[in-house]
Amino acid sequence: MAASPKILLVDDDQAFLDLYEEMLSRHLPSIPEVRTASSGARALALLDSEPFTMLCVDLNMPKMDGLQVLSIARRKYPQLRLVALTAMRDEQFRTRAYALGVDQYWIKPESDHEIGLFMESIESLLTHENQGGFRGVQSKSLVDIIQLECLSQSSTLLKITNGHAEGRIWIHQGEVIDAEAGELTAESAFQRILSWKAGNFELLPTDPNRTRTIFTSYQGLLLNTAQAIDEATSQPLSDSHVDGNAPPPPSRCASVLADLSQLEGIEFVLAIGTEDKRRQEYWGLENAAPLAEWTREALESFGALGERLRVGAVQQIVGSSLHRKITVAPAGDTLLCVGFASSFSPDQLRDTMKDILSKWAS
């Protein structure tokens, strides 16, 4: 039976240590053993005396601050998981902590929701196997890095290198707003970067005036990218796609969906086949099946109504609620269902749907 993981929690606030020692030791599924230290010197002494799985350090401590502790721990114990936990919202501290190789950087949670996210991330880090990834010895995927930056509402420029390839992702107040990779931009560049399996990253100061080209939520971006990569890897590759740094070519539908994600105000797009009813491609949705069924039923019902009224075939169906507007329209051998922001005016909705149908037909 594997031994329980051990966490060393370091902070000069005794009340904080008592609270988090109880939370981490009693409410994580892995049931870790939690030890505490109220100074950097005491923490290093404990690390020398017994093995730990994770070191969780406050950055603002007297005499020896958290960055010094992290720096020493990284050199002496390269397999140790490192977490910075601080109340200071300081971009310089965060950048320096990541440069030292921390696995996670957290602003001390202030709500039950934030505490829940923190606990989930700690549990994931404790049970995550080393399988390569980003920033050297620690197992870290780009998905992990982006999720942490967005969850912490950060504003930063994420620079990623993979061999000779380089990509950049701009994050503003917890939202991914732009990406570049070679000649690719926006969501296409994001997908290219996310296809890299290993490399290095660094956090740089962001440009507050950076033009936004990506309007999908980061959760939607990650889901869409995973789907596009899965679809692409299911296709046989020709000899011209042997380059290990280049991602497999996405399907045409996935490529169009990536282009549509750049249109402002769109919350999701669902494309379903008229002949092959199993064909469903989408972004911005977690479970497309119920919406696909509703889309088919809506078009069939309105189509039957159009026949009875002798007004011709259905061109578009537009619905509105407090939360969003939805448009359904046939496009060749595909049915499109598009969700828009509730603030969209009828003119904006009409013009955007024209762009969408034009892109789909091209």
Foldseek 3Di string as FASTA:
>chain_A
DDDQAEEEEEALDVVVVVVVQCCQQPPFPSNYHYHYDNDLVVSVVVVVVDPGQEYEAEQDDPPQGPLNSLLVCCVPPVRHAYEYEYQDPDPVVVQSNVVSPHQAYYHHDDDPVSVVVVSVVVNCLSPDDQDADEDPRGHDHPLSVLQRCLVRQHFWWKWWDDPPWIKIWTGHRSFTFKIDTPPDIRLVRVLLVNVDGYTYIGIHHHDPPDHGQADEGVVLSVVLSVVQLVQQVVDDDDPVPPPPSGGRDGDPVSVLQRVLRRDPFWQKKWKAFQVPRVDIHMTNDDDCVVVSVVLVVVLVVVQVVCVVVVPDHDAKDWDADPAWIWMWGDAVRIIMIITGGNPDDPVNVVVSVVVSSVSVND
